[in-house]
N, C-alpha and C. Protein backbone atom coordinates (compact mmCIF):
# COMPACT_ATOMS: atom_id res chain seq x y z
N MET A 1 12.02 -17.75 30.24
CA MET A 1 11.11 -17.81 29.08
C MET A 1 11.22 -16.56 28.24
N ARG A 2 11.36 -15.39 28.93
CA ARG A 2 11.46 -14.13 28.20
C ARG A 2 12.74 -14.09 27.37
N ASN A 3 13.84 -14.59 27.94
CA ASN A 3 15.10 -14.60 27.20
C ASN A 3 15.03 -15.50 25.98
N GLN A 4 14.32 -16.61 26.12
CA GLN A 4 14.16 -17.53 25.00
C GLN A 4 13.41 -16.86 23.87
N LYS A 5 12.37 -16.11 24.19
CA LYS A 5 11.58 -15.45 23.16
C LYS A 5 12.41 -14.41 22.44
N LYS A 6 13.29 -13.73 23.17
CA LYS A 6 14.12 -12.71 22.54
C LYS A 6 15.09 -13.30 21.56
N LYS A 7 15.38 -14.59 21.68
CA LYS A 7 16.32 -15.23 20.79
C LYS A 7 15.65 -15.87 19.59
N LEU A 8 14.33 -15.84 19.58
CA LEU A 8 13.62 -16.40 18.44
C LEU A 8 13.98 -15.63 17.18
N ARG A 9 14.12 -16.35 16.08
CA ARG A 9 14.46 -15.71 14.84
C ARG A 9 13.62 -16.29 13.71
N LEU A 10 13.33 -15.47 12.76
CA LEU A 10 12.69 -15.91 11.53
C LEU A 10 13.77 -15.91 10.47
N ILE A 11 14.04 -17.06 9.87
CA ILE A 11 15.11 -17.14 8.88
C ILE A 11 14.52 -17.33 7.49
N TYR A 12 15.42 -17.29 6.49
CA TYR A 12 15.02 -17.34 5.10
C TYR A 12 14.03 -16.23 4.80
N VAL A 13 14.40 -15.04 5.15
CA VAL A 13 13.50 -13.91 4.97
C VAL A 13 13.44 -13.52 3.51
N GLY A 14 12.27 -13.47 2.96
CA GLY A 14 12.11 -13.03 1.58
C GLY A 14 11.13 -11.90 1.51
N PHE A 15 11.61 -10.72 1.20
CA PHE A 15 10.72 -9.58 1.05
C PHE A 15 10.34 -9.49 -0.41
N THR A 16 9.10 -9.81 -0.73
CA THR A 16 8.62 -9.85 -2.10
C THR A 16 7.66 -8.71 -2.33
N ILE A 17 7.90 -7.98 -3.40
CA ILE A 17 7.04 -6.84 -3.71
C ILE A 17 6.13 -7.20 -4.87
N ALA A 18 4.84 -7.17 -4.63
CA ALA A 18 3.88 -7.36 -5.72
C ALA A 18 3.29 -6.00 -6.04
N LEU A 19 3.72 -5.44 -7.16
CA LEU A 19 3.26 -4.11 -7.54
C LEU A 19 2.11 -4.25 -8.51
N VAL A 20 0.93 -3.87 -8.06
CA VAL A 20 -0.27 -4.00 -8.87
C VAL A 20 -0.79 -2.63 -9.20
N LEU A 21 -0.83 -2.31 -10.44
CA LEU A 21 -1.36 -1.03 -10.87
C LEU A 21 -2.78 -1.23 -11.36
N LEU A 22 -3.71 -0.57 -10.70
CA LEU A 22 -5.11 -0.72 -11.05
C LEU A 22 -5.46 0.32 -12.10
N LEU A 23 -5.66 -0.15 -13.32
CA LEU A 23 -6.04 0.75 -14.41
C LEU A 23 -7.52 0.55 -14.69
N ILE A 24 -8.36 1.40 -14.10
CA ILE A 24 -9.79 1.24 -14.30
C ILE A 24 -10.17 1.87 -15.63
N GLY A 25 -11.45 1.82 -15.91
CA GLY A 25 -11.91 2.38 -17.17
C GLY A 25 -11.48 3.83 -17.33
N GLY A 26 -11.37 4.54 -16.21
CA GLY A 26 -10.91 5.93 -16.26
C GLY A 26 -9.43 6.05 -16.10
N GLY A 27 -8.72 4.93 -16.15
CA GLY A 27 -7.28 4.95 -15.97
C GLY A 27 -6.58 5.77 -17.03
N TYR A 28 -7.12 5.80 -18.19
CA TYR A 28 -6.62 6.69 -19.24
C TYR A 28 -7.62 7.82 -19.36
N PHE A 29 -7.26 8.98 -18.85
CA PHE A 29 -8.21 10.08 -18.72
C PHE A 29 -8.05 11.01 -19.92
N VAL A 30 -9.08 11.18 -20.66
CA VAL A 30 -9.03 11.97 -21.90
C VAL A 30 -9.68 13.33 -21.67
N TYR A 31 -8.95 14.40 -21.99
CA TYR A 31 -9.48 15.74 -21.94
C TYR A 31 -9.85 16.17 -23.36
N ALA A 32 -11.07 16.56 -23.59
CA ALA A 32 -11.50 16.97 -24.93
C ALA A 32 -11.91 18.43 -24.91
N ALA A 33 -11.31 19.23 -25.77
CA ALA A 33 -11.69 20.64 -25.89
C ALA A 33 -12.78 20.72 -26.95
N MET A 34 -13.95 21.21 -26.56
CA MET A 34 -15.11 21.21 -27.45
C MET A 34 -15.42 22.63 -27.93
N THR A 35 -15.84 22.74 -29.17
CA THR A 35 -16.29 24.04 -29.69
C THR A 35 -17.76 24.21 -29.35
N ALA A 36 -18.16 25.44 -29.10
CA ALA A 36 -19.55 25.70 -28.72
C ALA A 36 -20.49 25.54 -29.90
N GLN A 37 -19.98 25.72 -31.13
CA GLN A 37 -20.86 25.70 -32.30
C GLN A 37 -21.27 24.28 -32.72
N ASP A 38 -20.28 23.41 -32.92
CA ASP A 38 -20.65 22.12 -33.49
C ASP A 38 -20.33 20.94 -32.57
N GLN A 39 -19.86 21.23 -31.37
CA GLN A 39 -19.53 20.18 -30.40
C GLN A 39 -18.50 19.19 -30.94
N LYS A 40 -17.62 19.63 -31.79
CA LYS A 40 -16.60 18.76 -32.35
C LYS A 40 -15.36 18.75 -31.47
N ALA A 41 -14.88 17.57 -31.12
CA ALA A 41 -13.66 17.46 -30.33
C ALA A 41 -12.49 17.79 -31.22
N ASN A 42 -11.73 18.83 -30.87
CA ASN A 42 -10.63 19.22 -31.73
C ASN A 42 -9.26 19.17 -31.08
N ASP A 43 -9.21 18.74 -29.82
CA ASP A 43 -7.90 18.66 -29.16
C ASP A 43 -7.98 17.59 -28.08
N PHE A 44 -6.98 16.72 -28.02
CA PHE A 44 -6.97 15.66 -27.03
C PHE A 44 -5.61 15.58 -26.35
N GLN A 45 -5.65 15.31 -25.06
CA GLN A 45 -4.45 14.95 -24.33
C GLN A 45 -4.75 13.66 -23.60
N VAL A 46 -3.90 12.68 -23.75
CA VAL A 46 -4.11 11.39 -23.10
C VAL A 46 -3.11 11.26 -21.95
N GLY A 47 -3.62 11.00 -20.75
CA GLY A 47 -2.75 10.83 -19.60
C GLY A 47 -2.73 9.39 -19.14
N GLN A 48 -1.59 8.98 -18.60
CA GLN A 48 -1.43 7.61 -18.14
C GLN A 48 -1.25 7.54 -16.63
N VAL A 49 -1.84 6.50 -16.05
CA VAL A 49 -1.70 6.25 -14.61
C VAL A 49 -0.60 5.20 -14.43
N GLU A 50 0.54 5.62 -13.92
CA GLU A 50 1.66 4.71 -13.71
C GLU A 50 2.36 5.10 -12.41
N THR A 51 2.83 4.10 -11.68
CA THR A 51 3.58 4.36 -10.45
C THR A 51 4.76 3.43 -10.34
N LYS A 52 5.65 3.78 -9.43
CA LYS A 52 6.81 2.96 -9.12
C LYS A 52 6.95 2.87 -7.61
N LEU A 53 7.11 1.65 -7.11
CA LEU A 53 7.29 1.47 -5.68
C LEU A 53 8.78 1.58 -5.37
N LEU A 54 9.11 2.47 -4.45
CA LEU A 54 10.50 2.69 -4.06
C LEU A 54 10.70 2.17 -2.63
N GLU A 55 11.79 1.47 -2.39
CA GLU A 55 12.07 1.02 -1.04
C GLU A 55 13.57 1.01 -0.78
N ASP A 56 13.91 1.25 0.47
CA ASP A 56 15.29 1.15 0.94
C ASP A 56 15.29 0.08 2.01
N PHE A 57 15.81 -1.09 1.65
CA PHE A 57 15.76 -2.24 2.55
C PHE A 57 17.15 -2.80 2.74
N THR A 58 17.57 -2.84 3.99
CA THR A 58 18.87 -3.43 4.30
C THR A 58 18.72 -4.94 4.30
N GLY A 59 18.99 -5.55 3.17
CA GLY A 59 18.75 -6.97 2.99
C GLY A 59 19.40 -7.84 4.06
N VAL A 60 18.61 -8.71 4.65
CA VAL A 60 19.09 -9.61 5.70
C VAL A 60 18.59 -11.01 5.40
N THR A 61 19.22 -11.99 6.03
CA THR A 61 18.76 -13.38 5.89
C THR A 61 18.14 -13.89 7.18
N GLU A 62 18.19 -13.06 8.22
CA GLU A 62 17.66 -13.47 9.52
C GLU A 62 17.18 -12.25 10.29
N ILE A 63 16.01 -12.36 10.89
CA ILE A 63 15.48 -11.28 11.70
C ILE A 63 15.28 -11.77 13.12
N GLU A 64 15.80 -11.00 14.06
CA GLU A 64 15.62 -11.33 15.47
C GLU A 64 14.42 -10.57 16.00
N THR A 65 13.60 -11.22 16.80
CA THR A 65 12.43 -10.55 17.36
C THR A 65 12.87 -9.40 18.25
N GLY A 66 12.07 -8.33 18.21
CA GLY A 66 12.37 -7.18 19.04
C GLY A 66 13.40 -6.24 18.48
N LYS A 67 13.95 -6.54 17.32
CA LYS A 67 14.98 -5.70 16.71
C LYS A 67 14.44 -4.99 15.47
N ASP A 68 14.75 -3.70 15.35
CA ASP A 68 14.34 -2.92 14.19
C ASP A 68 15.08 -3.36 12.94
N VAL A 69 14.36 -3.43 11.82
CA VAL A 69 14.97 -3.70 10.52
C VAL A 69 14.56 -2.58 9.57
N LYS A 70 15.54 -1.88 9.01
CA LYS A 70 15.24 -0.76 8.13
C LYS A 70 14.53 -1.24 6.87
N LYS A 71 13.38 -0.64 6.59
CA LYS A 71 12.63 -0.93 5.36
C LYS A 71 11.76 0.28 5.07
N GLU A 72 12.25 1.19 4.24
CA GLU A 72 11.51 2.39 3.88
C GLU A 72 10.70 2.17 2.62
N VAL A 73 9.45 2.59 2.65
CA VAL A 73 8.55 2.37 1.51
C VAL A 73 7.87 3.68 1.13
N LEU A 74 7.94 4.05 -0.14
CA LEU A 74 7.21 5.18 -0.67
C LEU A 74 6.90 4.93 -2.14
N ILE A 75 6.00 5.74 -2.71
CA ILE A 75 5.53 5.53 -4.07
C ILE A 75 5.82 6.76 -4.90
N GLU A 76 6.25 6.56 -6.15
CA GLU A 76 6.48 7.66 -7.08
C GLU A 76 5.48 7.60 -8.23
N ASN A 77 4.93 8.74 -8.57
CA ASN A 77 4.03 8.84 -9.72
C ASN A 77 4.89 8.97 -10.97
N THR A 78 4.98 7.92 -11.77
CA THR A 78 5.78 7.95 -12.99
C THR A 78 4.91 8.17 -14.23
N GLY A 79 3.62 8.45 -14.02
CA GLY A 79 2.71 8.69 -15.12
C GLY A 79 2.67 10.15 -15.51
N THR A 80 1.60 10.54 -16.18
CA THR A 80 1.50 11.89 -16.70
C THR A 80 0.33 12.69 -16.12
N ILE A 81 -0.43 12.09 -15.21
CA ILE A 81 -1.54 12.79 -14.58
C ILE A 81 -1.52 12.55 -13.07
N LYS A 82 -2.21 13.41 -12.33
CA LYS A 82 -2.31 13.25 -10.88
C LYS A 82 -3.08 11.96 -10.57
N GLN A 83 -2.75 11.38 -9.41
CA GLN A 83 -3.42 10.14 -9.04
C GLN A 83 -3.52 9.97 -7.53
N PHE A 84 -4.58 9.23 -7.14
CA PHE A 84 -4.74 8.80 -5.75
C PHE A 84 -4.06 7.44 -5.60
N ILE A 85 -3.54 7.20 -4.39
CA ILE A 85 -2.74 5.99 -4.15
C ILE A 85 -3.16 5.33 -2.84
N ARG A 86 -3.23 4.00 -2.88
CA ARG A 86 -3.37 3.23 -1.65
C ARG A 86 -2.45 2.02 -1.71
N VAL A 87 -2.05 1.52 -0.54
CA VAL A 87 -1.10 0.41 -0.47
C VAL A 87 -1.60 -0.62 0.53
N MET A 88 -1.53 -1.89 0.13
CA MET A 88 -1.83 -2.99 1.05
C MET A 88 -0.51 -3.64 1.49
N VAL A 89 -0.37 -3.89 2.78
CA VAL A 89 0.80 -4.56 3.32
C VAL A 89 0.38 -5.95 3.77
N LEU A 90 0.95 -6.98 3.15
CA LEU A 90 0.53 -8.36 3.40
C LEU A 90 1.70 -9.18 3.94
N PRO A 91 1.80 -9.35 5.26
CA PRO A 91 2.84 -10.23 5.81
C PRO A 91 2.42 -11.69 5.72
N GLU A 92 3.39 -12.56 5.53
CA GLU A 92 3.08 -13.99 5.43
C GLU A 92 4.20 -14.79 6.08
N VAL A 93 3.82 -15.76 6.88
CA VAL A 93 4.77 -16.66 7.54
C VAL A 93 4.41 -18.10 7.18
N ARG A 94 5.40 -18.83 6.68
CA ARG A 94 5.20 -20.24 6.35
C ARG A 94 6.15 -21.11 7.16
N ALA A 95 5.56 -22.06 7.87
CA ALA A 95 6.34 -22.95 8.74
C ALA A 95 6.37 -24.36 8.16
N PRO A 96 7.53 -25.04 8.25
CA PRO A 96 7.62 -26.41 7.75
C PRO A 96 6.76 -27.36 8.57
N ILE A 97 6.23 -28.38 7.89
CA ILE A 97 5.44 -29.42 8.55
C ILE A 97 6.24 -30.71 8.51
N VAL A 98 6.46 -31.30 9.67
CA VAL A 98 7.26 -32.52 9.76
C VAL A 98 6.63 -33.63 8.93
N GLY A 99 7.43 -34.21 8.04
CA GLY A 99 6.96 -35.31 7.22
C GLY A 99 6.08 -34.90 6.06
N ASP A 100 6.05 -33.61 5.74
CA ASP A 100 5.21 -33.11 4.66
C ASP A 100 5.98 -32.06 3.88
N THR A 101 5.82 -32.07 2.56
CA THR A 101 6.51 -31.08 1.73
C THR A 101 5.76 -29.74 1.74
N ASN A 102 4.51 -29.75 2.13
CA ASN A 102 3.75 -28.51 2.23
C ASN A 102 4.15 -27.72 3.48
N LYS A 103 3.75 -26.46 3.52
CA LYS A 103 4.05 -25.63 4.67
C LYS A 103 2.78 -25.06 5.28
N GLN A 104 2.83 -24.84 6.57
CA GLN A 104 1.70 -24.28 7.29
C GLN A 104 1.81 -22.76 7.31
N VAL A 105 0.70 -22.09 6.98
CA VAL A 105 0.68 -20.63 7.01
C VAL A 105 0.26 -20.19 8.41
N LEU A 106 1.11 -19.37 9.05
CA LEU A 106 0.84 -18.89 10.39
C LEU A 106 0.35 -17.44 10.35
N PRO A 107 -0.55 -17.06 11.23
CA PRO A 107 -1.05 -15.68 11.24
C PRO A 107 0.03 -14.72 11.73
N LEU A 108 0.01 -13.50 11.18
CA LEU A 108 0.93 -12.45 11.62
C LEU A 108 0.15 -11.12 11.52
N VAL A 109 -0.25 -10.60 12.64
CA VAL A 109 -1.13 -9.44 12.69
C VAL A 109 -0.31 -8.15 12.74
N ILE A 110 -0.58 -7.23 11.79
CA ILE A 110 0.09 -5.94 11.79
C ILE A 110 -0.38 -5.13 13.00
N GLY A 111 0.58 -4.55 13.70
CA GLY A 111 0.25 -3.76 14.89
C GLY A 111 0.36 -4.58 16.16
N LYS A 112 0.38 -5.90 16.05
CA LYS A 112 0.50 -6.79 17.21
C LYS A 112 1.74 -7.67 17.06
N ASP A 113 1.80 -8.44 16.01
CA ASP A 113 2.93 -9.33 15.78
C ASP A 113 4.02 -8.66 14.94
N LEU A 114 3.59 -7.83 14.00
CA LEU A 114 4.50 -7.11 13.13
C LEU A 114 4.24 -5.62 13.27
N LEU A 115 5.27 -4.87 13.65
CA LEU A 115 5.12 -3.44 13.85
C LEU A 115 5.72 -2.69 12.67
N LEU A 116 4.93 -1.79 12.07
CA LEU A 116 5.40 -0.89 11.03
C LEU A 116 5.76 0.42 11.72
N GLU A 117 7.04 0.76 11.74
CA GLU A 117 7.51 1.85 12.58
C GLU A 117 7.73 3.15 11.82
N ASN A 118 7.61 4.25 12.55
CA ASN A 118 7.80 5.60 12.01
C ASN A 118 6.90 5.85 10.81
N MET A 119 5.63 5.47 10.96
CA MET A 119 4.66 5.70 9.89
C MET A 119 4.28 7.18 9.84
N ALA A 120 4.08 7.68 8.62
CA ALA A 120 3.63 9.06 8.44
C ALA A 120 2.12 9.07 8.56
N THR A 121 1.64 9.01 9.78
CA THR A 121 0.20 8.85 10.01
C THR A 121 -0.62 10.08 9.62
N ALA A 122 0.04 11.24 9.49
CA ALA A 122 -0.69 12.42 9.04
C ALA A 122 -0.94 12.38 7.54
N ASP A 123 -0.10 11.64 6.82
CA ASP A 123 -0.21 11.55 5.36
C ASP A 123 -0.88 10.28 4.89
N TRP A 124 -0.69 9.20 5.64
CA TRP A 124 -1.27 7.90 5.30
C TRP A 124 -2.31 7.53 6.35
N LYS A 125 -3.47 7.08 5.89
CA LYS A 125 -4.55 6.72 6.80
C LYS A 125 -4.92 5.25 6.63
N ASP A 126 -4.92 4.52 7.75
CA ASP A 126 -5.34 3.12 7.74
C ASP A 126 -6.84 3.06 7.50
N GLY A 127 -7.24 2.42 6.40
CA GLY A 127 -8.66 2.36 6.06
C GLY A 127 -9.43 1.27 6.78
N GLY A 128 -8.72 0.42 7.54
CA GLY A 128 -9.40 -0.66 8.24
C GLY A 128 -9.87 -1.76 7.31
N ASP A 129 -9.52 -1.65 6.01
CA ASP A 129 -9.89 -2.66 5.01
C ASP A 129 -8.66 -3.33 4.41
N GLY A 130 -7.54 -3.21 5.10
CA GLY A 130 -6.29 -3.80 4.63
C GLY A 130 -5.42 -2.83 3.86
N TYR A 131 -5.94 -1.65 3.57
CA TYR A 131 -5.19 -0.66 2.77
C TYR A 131 -4.83 0.56 3.61
N TYR A 132 -3.69 1.16 3.24
CA TYR A 132 -3.29 2.46 3.75
C TYR A 132 -3.46 3.47 2.61
N TYR A 133 -4.22 4.53 2.86
CA TYR A 133 -4.56 5.51 1.84
C TYR A 133 -3.70 6.76 1.99
N TYR A 134 -3.16 7.24 0.88
CA TYR A 134 -2.38 8.47 0.90
C TYR A 134 -3.33 9.64 0.77
N ILE A 135 -3.50 10.40 1.84
CA ILE A 135 -4.51 11.46 1.87
C ILE A 135 -3.90 12.87 1.85
N LYS A 136 -2.58 12.96 1.89
CA LYS A 136 -1.96 14.28 1.92
C LYS A 136 -2.23 15.05 0.64
N ASP A 137 -2.07 14.37 -0.50
CA ASP A 137 -2.24 15.02 -1.80
C ASP A 137 -2.70 14.01 -2.84
N ALA A 138 -3.26 14.54 -3.92
CA ALA A 138 -3.31 13.77 -5.16
C ALA A 138 -1.92 13.93 -5.76
N VAL A 139 -1.21 12.84 -5.94
CA VAL A 139 0.21 12.91 -6.26
C VAL A 139 0.43 13.37 -7.71
N GLU A 140 1.20 14.42 -7.86
CA GLU A 140 1.49 14.99 -9.17
C GLU A 140 2.48 14.11 -9.93
N PRO A 141 2.47 14.21 -11.27
CA PRO A 141 3.46 13.45 -12.07
C PRO A 141 4.87 13.77 -11.61
N LYS A 142 5.70 12.72 -11.53
CA LYS A 142 7.11 12.79 -11.15
C LYS A 142 7.32 13.13 -9.67
N LYS A 143 6.26 13.19 -8.89
CA LYS A 143 6.37 13.44 -7.47
C LYS A 143 6.24 12.13 -6.69
N LYS A 144 6.67 12.17 -5.42
CA LYS A 144 6.64 10.99 -4.57
C LYS A 144 5.75 11.23 -3.36
N THR A 145 5.24 10.15 -2.81
CA THR A 145 4.54 10.23 -1.53
C THR A 145 5.57 10.35 -0.41
N SER A 146 5.11 10.67 0.77
CA SER A 146 5.97 10.52 1.94
C SER A 146 6.12 9.03 2.24
N LYS A 147 7.02 8.70 3.15
CA LYS A 147 7.26 7.29 3.46
C LYS A 147 6.07 6.70 4.23
N LEU A 148 5.62 5.55 3.77
CA LEU A 148 4.55 4.86 4.48
C LEU A 148 5.07 4.39 5.84
N PHE A 149 6.23 3.79 5.86
CA PHE A 149 6.92 3.45 7.11
C PHE A 149 8.41 3.37 6.82
N GLU A 150 9.22 3.35 7.88
CA GLU A 150 10.67 3.39 7.72
C GLU A 150 11.39 2.14 8.20
N SER A 151 10.72 1.36 9.03
CA SER A 151 11.33 0.12 9.52
C SER A 151 10.24 -0.81 10.01
N ILE A 152 10.62 -2.06 10.24
CA ILE A 152 9.69 -3.06 10.76
C ILE A 152 10.32 -3.74 11.97
N LYS A 153 9.47 -4.33 12.79
CA LYS A 153 9.96 -5.07 13.96
C LYS A 153 8.99 -6.19 14.30
N LEU A 154 9.54 -7.37 14.55
CA LEU A 154 8.74 -8.50 14.98
C LEU A 154 8.62 -8.49 16.49
N SER A 155 7.41 -8.77 16.97
CA SER A 155 7.13 -8.70 18.39
C SER A 155 7.90 -9.76 19.18
N ASN A 156 8.32 -9.37 20.40
CA ASN A 156 8.96 -10.33 21.32
C ASN A 156 8.00 -11.42 21.77
N SER A 157 6.71 -11.20 21.60
CA SER A 157 5.71 -12.15 22.09
C SER A 157 5.42 -13.29 21.12
N LEU A 158 6.11 -13.31 19.97
CA LEU A 158 5.89 -14.41 19.02
C LEU A 158 6.21 -15.76 19.67
N ALA A 159 5.37 -16.75 19.41
CA ALA A 159 5.54 -18.07 20.01
C ALA A 159 6.69 -18.83 19.38
N LYS A 160 7.07 -19.91 20.02
CA LYS A 160 8.19 -20.74 19.58
C LYS A 160 7.96 -21.29 18.17
N GLN A 161 6.72 -21.48 17.78
CA GLN A 161 6.42 -22.06 16.49
C GLN A 161 6.84 -21.16 15.32
N TYR A 162 7.14 -19.90 15.61
CA TYR A 162 7.58 -18.98 14.55
C TYR A 162 9.08 -19.07 14.30
N ASP A 163 9.79 -19.80 15.15
CA ASP A 163 11.23 -19.92 14.96
C ASP A 163 11.54 -20.73 13.70
N ALA A 164 12.53 -20.26 12.93
CA ALA A 164 12.98 -20.94 11.72
C ALA A 164 11.88 -21.07 10.67
N THR A 165 11.09 -20.02 10.52
CA THR A 165 10.05 -20.00 9.51
C THR A 165 10.43 -19.05 8.38
N ALA A 166 9.71 -19.14 7.27
CA ALA A 166 9.96 -18.25 6.12
C ALA A 166 9.00 -17.08 6.20
N PHE A 167 9.55 -15.87 6.20
CA PHE A 167 8.77 -14.66 6.40
C PHE A 167 8.86 -13.78 5.16
N SER A 168 7.70 -13.33 4.65
CA SER A 168 7.66 -12.46 3.49
C SER A 168 6.71 -11.30 3.74
N ILE A 169 6.99 -10.18 3.08
CA ILE A 169 6.06 -9.04 3.09
C ILE A 169 5.73 -8.70 1.64
N TYR A 170 4.45 -8.70 1.32
CA TYR A 170 4.00 -8.32 -0.01
C TYR A 170 3.38 -6.92 0.05
N LEU A 171 3.76 -6.07 -0.89
CA LEU A 171 3.22 -4.73 -0.96
C LEU A 171 2.41 -4.60 -2.25
N LYS A 172 1.12 -4.32 -2.11
CA LYS A 172 0.24 -4.19 -3.25
C LYS A 172 -0.15 -2.72 -3.41
N VAL A 173 0.23 -2.12 -4.52
CA VAL A 173 -0.04 -0.71 -4.75
C VAL A 173 -1.17 -0.58 -5.77
N GLU A 174 -2.16 0.26 -5.44
CA GLU A 174 -3.26 0.53 -6.36
C GLU A 174 -3.38 2.03 -6.56
N THR A 175 -3.51 2.45 -7.81
CA THR A 175 -3.62 3.87 -8.12
C THR A 175 -4.82 4.10 -9.04
N VAL A 176 -5.33 5.33 -9.00
CA VAL A 176 -6.47 5.68 -9.83
C VAL A 176 -6.39 7.18 -10.14
N ASN A 177 -6.89 7.57 -11.28
CA ASN A 177 -6.88 8.99 -11.64
C ASN A 177 -7.82 9.78 -10.73
N CYS A 178 -7.73 11.08 -10.80
CA CYS A 178 -8.45 11.95 -9.87
C CYS A 178 -9.78 12.46 -10.40
N ALA A 179 -10.30 11.83 -11.45
CA ALA A 179 -11.61 12.23 -11.96
C ALA A 179 -12.66 11.99 -10.89
N GLU A 180 -13.69 12.79 -10.91
CA GLU A 180 -14.77 12.70 -9.92
C GLU A 180 -15.75 11.59 -10.29
N PHE A 181 -16.03 10.63 -9.50
CA PHE A 181 -15.36 10.12 -8.32
C PHE A 181 -14.82 8.73 -8.65
N ALA A 182 -13.76 8.69 -9.43
CA ALA A 182 -13.21 7.44 -9.93
C ALA A 182 -12.71 6.53 -8.80
N TYR A 183 -12.19 7.13 -7.73
CA TYR A 183 -11.66 6.32 -6.64
C TYR A 183 -12.77 5.53 -5.94
N ARG A 184 -13.98 6.10 -5.86
CA ARG A 184 -15.09 5.35 -5.25
C ARG A 184 -15.47 4.16 -6.13
N ASP A 185 -15.50 4.36 -7.43
CA ASP A 185 -15.84 3.27 -8.34
C ASP A 185 -14.79 2.16 -8.29
N ALA A 186 -13.53 2.55 -8.24
CA ALA A 186 -12.44 1.58 -8.30
C ALA A 186 -12.24 0.84 -6.98
N TRP A 187 -12.38 1.55 -5.88
CA TRP A 187 -12.00 0.99 -4.59
C TRP A 187 -13.18 0.55 -3.73
N TRP A 188 -14.36 1.17 -3.92
CA TRP A 188 -15.48 0.88 -3.03
C TRP A 188 -16.76 0.54 -3.79
N GLN A 189 -16.61 0.00 -5.00
CA GLN A 189 -17.76 -0.41 -5.82
C GLN A 189 -18.77 0.72 -6.03
N GLY A 190 -18.28 1.92 -6.11
CA GLY A 190 -19.14 3.07 -6.36
C GLY A 190 -19.88 3.60 -5.15
N ASN A 191 -19.65 3.00 -3.99
CA ASN A 191 -20.35 3.42 -2.77
C ASN A 191 -19.63 4.59 -2.09
N THR A 192 -20.39 5.38 -1.36
CA THR A 192 -19.84 6.45 -0.53
C THR A 192 -19.81 5.96 0.91
N PRO A 193 -18.62 5.80 1.50
CA PRO A 193 -18.53 5.24 2.87
C PRO A 193 -19.27 6.09 3.90
N THR A 194 -19.91 5.41 4.81
CA THR A 194 -20.60 6.10 5.90
C THR A 194 -19.99 5.73 7.26
N ASP A 195 -19.15 4.72 7.29
CA ASP A 195 -18.51 4.28 8.53
C ASP A 195 -17.04 4.69 8.54
N GLN A 196 -16.55 4.92 9.76
CA GLN A 196 -15.14 5.24 9.94
C GLN A 196 -14.29 3.95 9.86
N PRO A 197 -13.03 4.06 9.42
CA PRO A 197 -12.31 5.29 9.06
C PRO A 197 -12.44 5.68 7.58
N LEU A 198 -13.14 4.86 6.78
CA LEU A 198 -13.24 5.16 5.35
C LEU A 198 -13.99 6.47 5.08
N LYS A 199 -14.92 6.82 5.96
CA LYS A 199 -15.66 8.07 5.77
C LYS A 199 -14.70 9.27 5.83
N THR A 200 -13.78 9.24 6.78
CA THR A 200 -12.81 10.33 6.90
C THR A 200 -11.93 10.39 5.66
N ILE A 201 -11.52 9.23 5.16
CA ILE A 201 -10.69 9.17 3.95
C ILE A 201 -11.45 9.75 2.77
N ASP A 202 -12.71 9.38 2.63
CA ASP A 202 -13.53 9.89 1.53
C ASP A 202 -13.72 11.40 1.65
N ASP A 203 -13.92 11.90 2.87
CA ASP A 203 -14.10 13.33 3.07
C ASP A 203 -12.88 14.12 2.60
N VAL A 204 -11.70 13.52 2.78
CA VAL A 204 -10.47 14.19 2.34
C VAL A 204 -10.30 14.10 0.83
N LEU A 205 -10.47 12.90 0.29
CA LEU A 205 -10.21 12.70 -1.13
C LEU A 205 -11.22 13.46 -2.01
N LYS A 206 -12.45 13.56 -1.57
CA LYS A 206 -13.45 14.20 -2.42
C LYS A 206 -13.17 15.69 -2.63
N MET A 207 -12.36 16.27 -1.73
CA MET A 207 -11.99 17.66 -1.90
C MET A 207 -10.80 17.84 -2.85
N LYS A 208 -10.22 16.73 -3.27
CA LYS A 208 -9.04 16.78 -4.14
C LYS A 208 -9.30 16.26 -5.56
N VAL A 209 -10.55 15.87 -5.83
CA VAL A 209 -10.87 15.36 -7.17
C VAL A 209 -10.90 16.50 -8.19
N GLU A 210 -10.79 16.13 -9.44
CA GLU A 210 -10.89 17.10 -10.52
C GLU A 210 -12.32 17.12 -11.07
N ASN A 211 -12.67 18.17 -11.76
CA ASN A 211 -14.00 18.32 -12.35
C ASN A 211 -15.09 18.38 -11.29
N GLN A 212 -14.82 19.02 -10.17
CA GLN A 212 -15.85 19.17 -9.15
C GLN A 212 -16.99 20.06 -9.69
N ILE A 213 -18.20 19.68 -9.38
CA ILE A 213 -19.37 20.45 -9.82
C ILE A 213 -19.66 21.57 -8.84
């Protein structure tokens, strides 16, 4: 039985990247230099929040369970201002249904069924809400994050029903400017987390915001 599981393969592999840039109301951050006499704005700089998802993926058409597949993921700040970054990793498996043109969606749990290997856990923090938060720095313009992960592996314990299925990974990137506290408004509906692990993430990010009082 163990040997059979090792031979299971997921075919028609499609790695699809969905790059979503979250431009909140503060996404375009305006700096105004004010005169003390008449409070007239006399100088403006407009910054843009833009990112690019970079990946190094050895394209394959078939993945064998238990085998590493190179897939490096990192984010580059292509805008003009510093920004906070988080990434959602969404695996999806679709299996054919006999006698039906539709397909059945099968669960694939990260950390159990799908392993993200060589993660930079000191730089990226799992928020427990589906997102990985980059906590090392507020990323400067033209700079890159460290790699979120470097390879993936499907568990040997996957059941027979996963054989000959279509497997995709979607990466959703969200960025926000570093104004105080724009990330809370954009990502947590303006709330300050009190539960872990988001509390730890907030404790780190709040020390990196701009315009601290």
